[in-house]
Amino acid sequence: MSKYDIIVLGSGPGGYVTAIRASQLGFKTAIVEKENLGGVCLNWGCIPTKALLKSAQVFEYLKHAGDYGLSVKEYDKDFNAVVGRSRGVADGMSKGVQFLMKKNKIDVINGYGKIKPGKKVDVDGTEYSADHIIIATGARSRELPSLPQDGKKVIGYREAMSLDKQPKKMIVVGSGAIGVEFAYFYNSMGTEVTIVEFLPNVVPVEDEDVSKQLEKSFKKSGINIMTSAEVTKVDTSGNGVKATVKTKDGEQVLEADIILSAVGIKTNIENIGLEDVGIVVDRDKILVDKFYQTNMPGYYAIGDVTPGQALAHVASAEGILCVEKIAGMHVESLDYGNIPGCTYCTPEIASVGLTEKQAKEKGIDIKVGKFPFSASGKASAGGNKDGFVKVIFDAKYGEWLGCHMIGAGVTDMIAEAVLGRKLETTGHEVLKAVHPHPTMSEAVMEAVAAAYDEVIHL
């Protein structure tokens, strides 16, 4: 039996990052993967979707070339080539993880892994043992009883990024990050898209001002949006699919070629041996302490299978903390209140910290500032005037409570707020940090100035 210091189960952005950090710290490390290195994120999630969205963005630019004083007489899309490019990007990233495994001398064990008592892992009949076993098996598309996926007419995100034919009409159920990203992509490609959202606002976890702006931008792009609506039944017996949608005004039947179910995720915790080992699970999540140890010594869990936010960067951070704690390093537990969330449709969305509503519900006296990109020179020059930056501060102490952005490139800007909040930066300090002009990022400074009644460009 092969013996390791650490075995990691799953090679997504939680698992492979954990394995690399473990190796850096001198642990003899192995990683178990049943499909492709990189997991869902690299192969079927974060990375290939961004490739699809970039193609959609370029296509949008071609459509609006005249707005920039350019004449493009002939242009078209090749849907299969767009999908092919996305798959190529994913394959390249997966090969990059293979290289990192070799570079860091990590043994890759291909196959289906199950944990066993006595700190062992069974991979397709072969047993391996380790002092520490870290579960990082991630999650998959969640299925609703009223919306069973058949992989053809009712699909999840995985099928949505590799269709062999572009649908003429698509219904997207759910308007979280996955739903709105695919809605934007398919709408840009020319598919007639309808979003059905159960809650009153699209992107419901975001600040309400952001939700309203996205709905406005999407409607301007021709996307149909139904909020406070629920798909209660689907009929796939005909050529396409019929969805019965319950709204406050009664029932409607929508027809489409395909329904994309984007109603959240289901953790991959079945049939991996949790019951055999006695690991405690609650509401589909493995329970862990603040350094990711389960109730059973020597067994840990990170990423989507645990109660924290189901985000790639959270899984990576958790894995690094987990192995550094195993190594005896002095580490601080993760601050889940300072995790940025990003959505990559157009306009992009990025946020961190409390929304205005959450801050008020906590009874905090707040200062709120907002700066629209319509007043930004860089946004005007780039033709990207939709959106704004919104900041929320504690009125008494100047603490930066939240930052919410919607607009072009904001997913690359949110780190300023994350770092500022980590360093306990006050609104005054942000104001006095000189921001470059003309940039999209100076809108952060302008929004802070608005909160303190010092805004110049409004």
Protein backbone atom coordinates (compact mmCIF):
# COMPACT_ATOMS: atom_id res chain seq x y z
CA MET A 1 0.00 0.00 0.00
CA SER A 2 1.34 3.46 -1.00
CA LYS A 3 1.71 5.79 1.98
CA TYR A 4 1.50 9.58 1.79
CA ASP A 5 1.51 12.50 4.19
CA ILE A 6 -1.51 14.06 2.45
CA ILE A 7 -4.02 12.72 -0.07
CA VAL A 8 -6.41 15.20 -1.70
CA LEU A 9 -9.68 13.89 -3.14
CA GLY A 10 -10.62 16.04 -6.16
CA SER A 11 -8.47 18.30 -8.36
CA GLY A 12 -10.59 21.43 -8.83
CA PRO A 13 -9.30 24.88 -7.80
CA GLY A 14 -9.65 23.76 -4.18
CA GLY A 15 -7.95 20.40 -4.58
CA TYR A 16 -5.04 21.12 -6.90
CA VAL A 17 -4.11 24.35 -5.06
CA THR A 18 -4.21 22.44 -1.75
CA ALA A 19 -1.95 19.73 -3.18
CA ILE A 20 0.58 22.28 -4.47
CA ARG A 21 0.74 24.14 -1.15
CA ALA A 22 1.11 20.82 0.69
CA SER A 23 4.01 19.88 -1.55
CA GLN A 24 5.64 23.29 -1.05
CA LEU A 25 5.48 22.67 2.69
CA GLY A 26 7.37 19.39 2.30
CA PHE A 27 4.50 16.90 2.49
CA LYS A 28 4.53 13.81 0.30
CA THR A 29 1.31 14.46 -1.58
CA ALA A 30 -1.08 12.64 -3.91
CA ILE A 31 -4.23 13.86 -5.63
CA VAL A 32 -7.15 11.69 -6.79
CA GLU A 33 -9.23 12.71 -9.83
CA LYS A 34 -11.96 10.74 -11.62
CA GLU A 35 -12.10 12.95 -14.74
CA ASN A 36 -9.78 15.78 -15.84
CA LEU A 37 -7.31 17.70 -13.71
CA GLY A 38 -8.69 21.12 -12.85
CA GLY A 39 -12.16 19.83 -12.00
CA VAL A 40 -15.36 21.61 -13.02
CA CYS A 41 -13.87 25.11 -12.78
CA LEU A 42 -11.15 24.63 -15.37
CA ASN A 43 -12.96 22.14 -17.58
CA TRP A 44 -16.67 23.01 -17.36
CA GLY A 45 -17.03 26.16 -15.30
CA CYS A 46 -15.13 29.36 -14.60
CA ILE A 47 -12.57 29.21 -17.41
CA PRO A 48 -14.45 27.92 -20.49
CA THR A 49 -17.46 30.12 -19.71
CA LYS A 50 -15.19 33.19 -19.74
CA ALA A 51 -13.95 32.11 -23.19
CA LEU A 52 -17.56 31.90 -24.41
CA LEU A 53 -18.35 35.29 -22.90
CA LYS A 54 -15.30 36.86 -24.57
CA SER A 55 -16.49 35.59 -27.97
CA ALA A 56 -19.92 37.09 -27.25
CA GLN A 57 -18.33 40.40 -26.27
CA VAL A 58 -16.25 40.54 -29.47
CA PHE A 59 -19.39 39.75 -31.51
CA GLU A 60 -21.19 42.60 -29.73
CA TYR A 61 -18.34 44.97 -30.64
CA LEU A 62 -18.65 43.94 -34.30
CA LYS A 63 -22.39 44.63 -34.20
CA HIS A 64 -21.73 48.11 -32.82
CA ALA A 65 -18.61 48.96 -34.85
CA GLY A 66 -20.42 52.00 -36.25
CA ASP A 67 -20.58 53.49 -32.73
CA TYR A 68 -16.77 53.69 -32.83
CA GLY A 69 -16.57 55.25 -36.29
CA LEU A 70 -15.69 51.95 -37.93
CA SER A 71 -17.32 50.18 -40.85
CA VAL A 72 -17.47 46.38 -40.80
CA LYS A 73 -19.49 45.30 -43.82
CA GLU A 74 -19.51 41.55 -43.37
CA TYR A 75 -19.30 39.59 -40.16
CA ASP A 76 -20.98 36.52 -38.74
CA LYS A 77 -20.62 34.00 -35.97
CA ASP A 78 -19.70 30.33 -36.14
CA PHE A 79 -21.35 28.87 -33.05
CA ASN A 80 -19.42 25.59 -33.23
CA ALA A 81 -16.12 27.45 -33.59
CA VAL A 82 -16.97 29.59 -30.56
CA VAL A 83 -17.67 26.44 -28.52
CA GLY A 84 -14.50 24.85 -29.96
CA ARG A 85 -12.37 27.81 -28.85
CA SER A 86 -13.83 27.54 -25.35
CA ARG A 87 -13.00 23.83 -25.16
CA GLY A 88 -9.47 24.57 -26.40
CA VAL A 89 -8.94 27.13 -23.64
CA ALA A 90 -10.18 24.59 -21.05
CA ASP A 91 -7.89 21.87 -22.42
CA GLY A 92 -4.91 24.22 -22.25
CA MET A 93 -5.62 25.10 -18.63
CA SER A 94 -6.02 21.42 -17.69
CA LYS A 95 -2.63 20.68 -19.28
CA GLY A 96 -1.24 23.55 -17.21
CA VAL A 97 -2.42 21.81 -14.02
CA GLN A 98 -0.78 18.57 -15.21
CA PHE A 99 2.48 20.50 -15.57
CA LEU A 100 2.10 21.96 -12.05
CA MET A 101 1.55 18.48 -10.60
CA LYS A 102 4.81 17.24 -12.19
CA LYS A 103 6.70 20.38 -11.21
CA ASN A 104 5.63 19.97 -7.57
CA LYS A 105 6.22 16.19 -7.55
CA ILE A 106 2.60 15.39 -6.72
CA ASP A 107 1.39 11.88 -7.58
CA VAL A 108 -1.79 11.99 -9.68
CA ILE A 109 -4.04 8.96 -9.08
CA ASN A 110 -6.68 8.67 -11.79
CA GLY A 111 -9.94 7.00 -10.77
CA TYR A 112 -12.90 7.20 -8.41
CA GLY A 113 -11.77 7.72 -4.83
CA LYS A 114 -13.61 6.70 -1.65
CA ILE A 115 -12.39 7.38 1.85
CA LYS A 116 -12.20 4.52 4.34
CA PRO A 117 -11.65 4.22 8.09
CA GLY A 118 -8.03 4.17 9.23
CA LYS A 119 -7.04 7.13 7.02
CA LYS A 120 -7.22 5.18 3.79
CA VAL A 121 -8.49 6.00 0.29
CA ASP A 122 -9.72 3.33 -2.11
CA VAL A 123 -9.31 4.25 -5.80
CA ASP A 124 -11.03 1.70 -8.03
CA GLY A 125 -9.91 -1.19 -5.81
CA THR A 126 -6.40 0.01 -4.96
CA GLU A 127 -5.81 1.26 -1.41
CA TYR A 128 -3.65 4.22 -0.41
CA SER A 129 -3.04 5.59 3.07
CA ALA A 130 -2.15 9.03 4.41
CA ASP A 131 -1.74 10.88 7.69
CA HIS A 132 -4.21 13.49 6.41
CA ILE A 133 -7.00 13.13 3.86
CA ILE A 134 -8.58 16.29 2.39
CA ILE A 135 -11.96 16.04 0.65
CA ALA A 136 -12.38 18.55 -2.21
CA THR A 137 -14.96 16.84 -4.42
CA GLY A 138 -16.90 20.00 -5.33
CA ALA A 139 -20.43 20.21 -6.65
CA ARG A 140 -22.65 19.82 -9.71
CA SER A 141 -25.80 21.39 -11.14
CA ARG A 142 -28.77 21.00 -8.77
CA GLU A 143 -31.96 19.45 -10.11
CA LEU A 144 -35.44 20.57 -9.09
CA PRO A 145 -38.25 17.97 -8.92
CA SER A 146 -40.29 20.15 -11.29
CA LEU A 147 -37.34 20.50 -13.67
CA PRO A 148 -35.61 17.12 -14.17
CA GLN A 149 -32.60 17.37 -16.48
CA ASP A 150 -32.46 15.02 -19.47
CA GLY A 151 -29.25 16.53 -20.91
CA LYS A 152 -30.97 17.36 -24.21
CA LYS A 153 -34.00 19.61 -23.79
CA VAL A 154 -33.58 20.39 -20.09
CA ILE A 155 -29.88 20.95 -19.44
CA GLY A 156 -27.40 22.10 -16.80
CA TYR A 157 -24.37 24.37 -17.19
CA ARG A 158 -22.19 21.54 -18.47
CA GLU A 159 -24.31 20.87 -21.55
CA ALA A 160 -24.92 24.62 -22.02
CA MET A 161 -21.30 25.23 -22.88
CA SER A 162 -20.94 22.42 -25.39
CA LEU A 163 -24.17 22.33 -27.44
CA ASP A 164 -23.60 21.20 -31.03
CA LYS A 165 -26.34 23.50 -32.31
CA GLN A 166 -27.38 26.99 -31.24
CA PRO A 167 -31.00 27.07 -29.98
CA LYS A 168 -33.39 29.65 -31.45
CA LYS A 169 -35.20 30.03 -28.12
CA MET A 170 -33.95 29.33 -24.61
CA ILE A 171 -35.49 29.60 -21.14
CA VAL A 172 -32.99 30.16 -18.32
CA VAL A 173 -34.36 29.17 -14.91
CA GLY A 174 -32.50 30.99 -12.15
CA SER A 175 -30.66 34.32 -12.34
CA GLY A 176 -27.61 33.75 -10.20
CA ALA A 177 -24.15 34.07 -11.76
CA ILE A 178 -24.48 30.94 -13.93
CA GLY A 179 -27.93 31.87 -15.20
CA VAL A 180 -27.17 35.47 -16.17
CA GLU A 181 -23.81 34.62 -17.74
CA PHE A 182 -25.40 32.06 -20.08
CA ALA A 183 -28.38 34.36 -20.71
CA TYR A 184 -25.98 37.08 -21.87
CA PHE A 185 -23.93 34.67 -24.00
CA TYR A 186 -26.85 33.10 -25.85
CA ASN A 187 -28.68 36.42 -26.29
CA SER A 188 -25.53 37.95 -27.80
CA MET A 189 -25.24 35.01 -30.19
CA GLY A 190 -28.83 35.65 -31.38
CA THR A 191 -30.89 33.22 -29.29
CA GLU A 192 -34.19 34.55 -27.92
CA VAL A 193 -33.68 34.28 -24.15
CA THR A 194 -36.18 34.41 -21.28
CA ILE A 195 -35.00 34.41 -17.65
CA VAL A 196 -37.36 32.99 -15.02
CA GLU A 197 -36.41 33.99 -11.46
CA PHE A 198 -38.30 32.82 -8.35
CA LEU A 199 -37.32 35.86 -6.24
CA PRO A 200 -38.37 39.49 -6.90
CA ASN A 201 -34.95 40.54 -8.27
CA VAL A 202 -32.44 39.07 -10.72
CA VAL A 203 -29.00 38.31 -9.20
CA PRO A 204 -30.83 38.22 -5.84
CA VAL A 205 -27.71 38.07 -3.62
CA GLU A 206 -26.54 41.45 -4.95
CA ASP A 207 -27.40 44.95 -3.74
CA GLU A 208 -30.88 45.92 -5.01
CA ASP A 209 -29.49 48.84 -7.04
CA VAL A 210 -27.21 46.41 -8.88
CA SER A 211 -30.12 44.03 -9.54
CA LYS A 212 -32.22 46.85 -10.99
CA GLN A 213 -29.37 48.04 -13.22
CA LEU A 214 -28.72 44.55 -14.59
CA GLU A 215 -32.42 44.05 -15.34
CA LYS A 216 -32.46 47.40 -17.17
CA SER A 217 -29.32 46.55 -19.18
CA PHE A 218 -30.57 43.05 -20.03
CA LYS A 219 -33.97 44.29 -21.16
CA LYS A 220 -32.23 46.87 -23.36
CA SER A 221 -30.32 43.94 -24.92
CA GLY A 222 -33.57 42.13 -25.68
CA ILE A 223 -33.57 39.55 -22.87
CA ASN A 224 -37.04 38.78 -21.47
CA ILE A 225 -37.13 38.75 -17.68
CA MET A 226 -39.80 37.22 -15.44
CA THR A 227 -39.26 37.75 -11.70
CA SER A 228 -41.39 36.36 -8.83
CA ALA A 229 -42.01 33.46 -11.21
CA GLU A 230 -41.67 29.69 -10.89
CA VAL A 231 -41.48 26.85 -13.42
CA THR A 232 -43.97 24.31 -12.09
CA LYS A 233 -44.03 21.84 -14.98
CA VAL A 234 -42.17 20.99 -18.19
CA ASP A 235 -43.35 19.07 -21.21
CA THR A 236 -40.60 17.66 -23.45
CA SER A 237 -42.84 15.41 -25.57
CA GLY A 238 -42.89 17.64 -28.66
CA ASN A 239 -40.10 19.01 -30.86
CA GLY A 240 -39.08 21.57 -28.26
CA VAL A 241 -40.04 22.08 -24.64
CA LYS A 242 -43.01 23.75 -22.98
CA ALA A 243 -42.63 25.28 -19.53
CA THR A 244 -45.58 26.14 -17.31
CA VAL A 245 -44.62 29.27 -15.36
CA LYS A 246 -46.56 30.39 -12.30
CA THR A 247 -46.55 34.18 -11.79
CA LYS A 248 -48.47 36.58 -9.57
CA ASP A 249 -50.75 37.23 -12.57
CA GLY A 250 -51.50 33.53 -13.15
CA GLU A 251 -49.96 30.75 -15.24
CA GLN A 252 -48.18 31.13 -18.57
CA VAL A 253 -46.86 28.47 -20.94
CA LEU A 254 -43.53 29.33 -22.55
CA GLU A 255 -42.16 27.45 -25.55
CA ALA A 256 -38.46 27.04 -26.33
CA ASP A 257 -35.91 24.68 -27.86
CA ILE A 258 -34.04 24.25 -24.58
CA ILE A 259 -34.40 25.03 -20.88
CA LEU A 260 -31.23 25.74 -18.92
CA SER A 261 -31.64 24.92 -15.24
CA ALA A 262 -29.38 27.27 -13.27
CA VAL A 263 -30.93 26.96 -9.82
CA GLY A 264 -27.80 26.35 -7.78
CA ILE A 265 -25.54 23.43 -7.00
CA LYS A 266 -25.60 20.02 -5.31
CA THR A 267 -22.49 18.85 -3.44
CA ASN A 268 -20.64 15.72 -4.58
CA ILE A 269 -20.71 13.92 -1.23
CA GLU A 270 -22.58 10.73 -2.15
CA ASN A 271 -20.69 7.45 -2.45
CA ILE A 272 -17.34 8.82 -1.28
CA GLY A 273 -17.32 6.91 2.02
CA LEU A 274 -18.47 9.60 4.47
CA GLU A 275 -20.86 7.22 6.22
CA ASP A 276 -18.21 4.48 6.49
CA VAL A 277 -15.82 6.86 8.23
CA GLY A 278 -18.53 8.53 10.35
CA ILE A 279 -18.10 12.08 9.05
CA VAL A 280 -20.97 14.39 10.02
CA VAL A 281 -22.98 16.05 7.26
CA ASP A 282 -25.71 18.68 7.65
CA ARG A 283 -27.97 19.99 4.86
CA ASP A 284 -25.80 18.64 2.05
CA LYS A 285 -22.56 20.04 3.53
CA ILE A 286 -19.69 18.43 5.41
CA LEU A 287 -19.32 20.10 8.82
CA VAL A 288 -15.80 21.35 9.59
CA ASP A 289 -14.04 23.53 12.17
CA LYS A 290 -12.45 26.87 11.26
CA PHE A 291 -9.40 25.10 9.86
CA TYR A 292 -11.47 22.52 7.90
CA GLN A 293 -11.06 19.42 10.07
CA THR A 294 -14.16 17.22 10.16
CA ASN A 295 -15.39 15.51 13.34
CA MET A 296 -13.01 12.63 12.51
CA PRO A 297 -9.31 13.36 13.18
CA GLY A 298 -7.16 13.21 10.05
CA TYR A 299 -10.06 13.90 7.68
CA TYR A 300 -10.66 17.40 6.32
CA ALA A 301 -12.97 19.03 3.77
CA ILE A 302 -12.71 22.26 1.75
CA GLY A 303 -14.55 24.07 -1.03
CA ASP A 304 -18.11 23.57 -2.23
CA VAL A 305 -18.69 20.53 0.01
CA THR A 306 -18.42 22.74 3.12
CA PRO A 307 -20.76 25.52 4.38
CA GLY A 308 -18.71 28.50 3.04
CA GLN A 309 -19.44 30.33 -0.23
CA ALA A 310 -19.27 28.01 -3.25
CA LEU A 311 -16.61 29.96 -5.15
CA ALA A 312 -13.34 28.83 -6.71
CA HIS A 313 -11.24 31.43 -4.89
CA VAL A 314 -12.81 30.44 -1.56
CA ALA A 315 -11.93 26.77 -2.14
CA SER A 316 -8.31 27.69 -2.95
CA ALA A 317 -7.99 29.89 0.15
CA GLU A 318 -9.52 27.22 2.37
CA GLY A 319 -7.17 24.54 1.04
CA ILE A 320 -4.09 26.67 1.62
CA LEU A 321 -5.18 27.47 5.19
CA CYS A 322 -5.97 23.81 5.84
CA VAL A 323 -2.50 22.50 4.92
CA GLU A 324 -0.69 25.41 6.56
CA LYS A 325 -2.51 24.58 9.80
CA ILE A 326 -1.57 20.89 9.38
CA ALA A 327 2.04 22.05 8.94
CA GLY A 328 1.86 23.83 12.32
CA MET A 329 2.03 27.34 10.89
CA HIS A 330 0.32 30.23 12.67
CA VAL A 331 -2.68 31.03 10.48
CA GLU A 332 -5.79 33.18 10.82
CA SER A 333 -9.17 31.72 9.94
CA LEU A 334 -10.80 32.97 6.74
CA ASP A 335 -12.97 36.10 6.94
CA TYR A 336 -16.08 35.02 5.02
CA GLY A 337 -17.46 38.56 5.28
CA ASN A 338 -14.69 39.80 2.99
CA ILE A 339 -15.06 37.39 0.08
CA PRO A 340 -15.60 39.08 -3.32
CA GLY A 341 -18.27 37.77 -5.66
CA CYS A 342 -17.98 38.26 -9.43
CA THR A 343 -20.42 37.73 -12.31
CA TYR A 344 -19.05 37.96 -15.85
CA CYS A 345 -22.05 38.85 -18.01
CA THR A 346 -22.11 42.28 -19.68
CA PRO A 347 -22.27 44.50 -17.73
CA GLU A 348 -20.09 42.70 -15.19
CA ILE A 349 -20.97 42.60 -11.50
CA ALA A 350 -18.57 42.56 -8.55
CA SER A 351 -19.26 43.02 -4.86
CA VAL A 352 -17.88 42.52 -1.38
CA GLY A 353 -19.23 43.08 2.12
CA LEU A 354 -22.67 44.26 3.21
CA THR A 355 -25.40 45.50 0.89
CA GLU A 356 -27.15 48.76 1.83
CA LYS A 357 -30.19 46.75 2.98
CA GLN A 358 -28.06 44.42 5.15
CA ALA A 359 -26.26 47.37 6.78
CA LYS A 360 -29.59 49.04 7.62
CA GLU A 361 -31.02 45.79 8.99
CA LYS A 362 -28.02 45.65 11.36
CA GLY A 363 -28.99 49.11 12.63
CA ILE A 364 -25.75 50.73 11.48
CA ASP A 365 -25.74 54.48 10.76
CA ILE A 366 -24.28 54.54 7.24
CA LYS A 367 -22.95 56.82 4.55
CA VAL A 368 -23.68 55.69 0.98
CA GLY A 369 -21.95 56.98 -2.15
CA LYS A 370 -22.65 56.17 -5.77
CA PHE A 371 -20.81 57.18 -8.92
CA PRO A 372 -22.30 56.33 -12.34
CA PHE A 373 -20.05 55.30 -15.21
CA SER A 374 -22.02 57.72 -17.38
CA ALA A 375 -19.94 60.43 -15.63
CA SER A 376 -16.64 58.57 -16.21
CA GLY A 377 -14.39 59.79 -19.02
CA LYS A 378 -12.83 56.35 -19.51
CA ALA A 379 -16.25 54.65 -19.65
CA SER A 380 -17.52 57.22 -22.17
CA ALA A 381 -14.43 56.81 -24.36
CA GLY A 382 -14.83 53.02 -24.25
CA GLY A 383 -18.54 53.12 -24.98
CA ASN A 384 -19.31 51.39 -21.66
CA LYS A 385 -21.48 53.86 -19.77
CA ASP A 386 -23.90 51.37 -18.17
CA GLY A 387 -23.48 50.86 -14.45
CA PHE A 388 -21.95 52.43 -11.36
CA VAL A 389 -19.82 51.95 -8.25
CA LYS A 390 -21.62 52.07 -4.90
CA VAL A 391 -19.87 52.21 -1.52
CA ILE A 392 -21.21 51.90 2.02
CA PHE A 393 -19.39 53.22 5.10
CA ASP A 394 -20.06 53.23 8.81
CA ALA A 395 -20.89 56.92 9.46
CA LYS A 396 -19.32 56.93 12.94
CA TYR A 397 -16.02 55.11 12.39
CA GLY A 398 -15.49 55.33 8.61
CA GLU A 399 -15.30 51.52 8.27
CA TRP A 400 -15.76 50.34 4.67
CA LEU A 401 -18.77 48.07 5.04
CA GLY A 402 -19.50 47.19 1.41
CA CYS A 403 -18.68 47.89 -2.21
CA HIS A 404 -20.96 47.04 -5.15
CA MET A 405 -20.09 47.53 -8.80
CA ILE A 406 -21.79 46.92 -12.11
CA GLY A 407 -20.14 47.87 -15.40
CA ALA A 408 -17.32 47.06 -17.79
CA GLY A 409 -14.28 45.45 -16.16
CA VAL A 410 -15.50 45.74 -12.58
CA THR A 411 -14.47 42.16 -11.75
CA ASP A 412 -10.88 43.41 -12.10
CA MET A 413 -11.58 46.42 -9.85
CA ILE A 414 -13.19 44.84 -6.79
CA ALA A 415 -9.86 43.73 -5.28
CA GLU A 416 -9.23 47.35 -4.21
CA ALA A 417 -12.21 47.14 -1.88
CA VAL A 418 -11.26 43.65 -0.64
CA LEU A 419 -7.72 44.78 0.20
CA GLY A 420 -8.94 48.08 1.67
CA ARG A 421 -11.37 46.26 3.95
CA LYS A 422 -8.69 43.72 4.96
CA LEU A 423 -6.41 46.60 5.98
CA GLU A 424 -9.30 48.35 7.81
CA THR A 425 -9.07 51.33 5.48
CA THR A 426 -11.39 54.27 6.18
CA GLY A 427 -13.29 56.32 3.63
CA HIS A 428 -10.94 59.26 4.26
CA GLU A 429 -7.91 57.12 3.36
CA VAL A 430 -9.50 55.96 0.08
CA LEU A 431 -10.24 59.60 -0.78
CA LYS A 432 -6.64 60.63 -0.17
CA ALA A 433 -5.18 57.72 -2.18
CA VAL A 434 -4.65 59.27 -5.62
CA HIS A 435 -6.37 57.24 -8.35
CA PRO A 436 -5.13 57.44 -11.96
CA HIS A 437 -7.12 59.36 -14.59
CA PRO A 438 -8.71 58.41 -16.89
CA THR A 439 -9.54 54.93 -15.59
CA MET A 440 -12.61 52.95 -14.64
CA SER A 441 -11.06 52.46 -11.18
CA GLU A 442 -11.21 56.16 -10.27
CA ALA A 443 -14.98 55.65 -10.00
CA VAL A 444 -14.23 53.96 -6.64
CA MET A 445 -12.64 57.17 -5.33
CA GLU A 446 -15.49 59.23 -6.80
CA ALA A 447 -18.11 57.02 -5.12
CA VAL A 448 -16.33 57.42 -1.78
CA ALA A 449 -16.21 61.18 -2.37
CA ALA A 450 -19.98 61.10 -3.01
CA ALA A 451 -20.51 59.34 0.33
CA TYR A 452 -18.66 62.18 2.09
CA ASP A 453 -20.23 65.02 0.05
CA GLU A 454 -16.93 65.77 -1.67
CA VAL A 455 -17.64 64.43 -5.16
CA ILE A 456 -16.12 66.54 -7.95
CA HIS A 457 -17.47 65.06 -11.20
CA LEU A 458 -21.19 64.86 -10.43
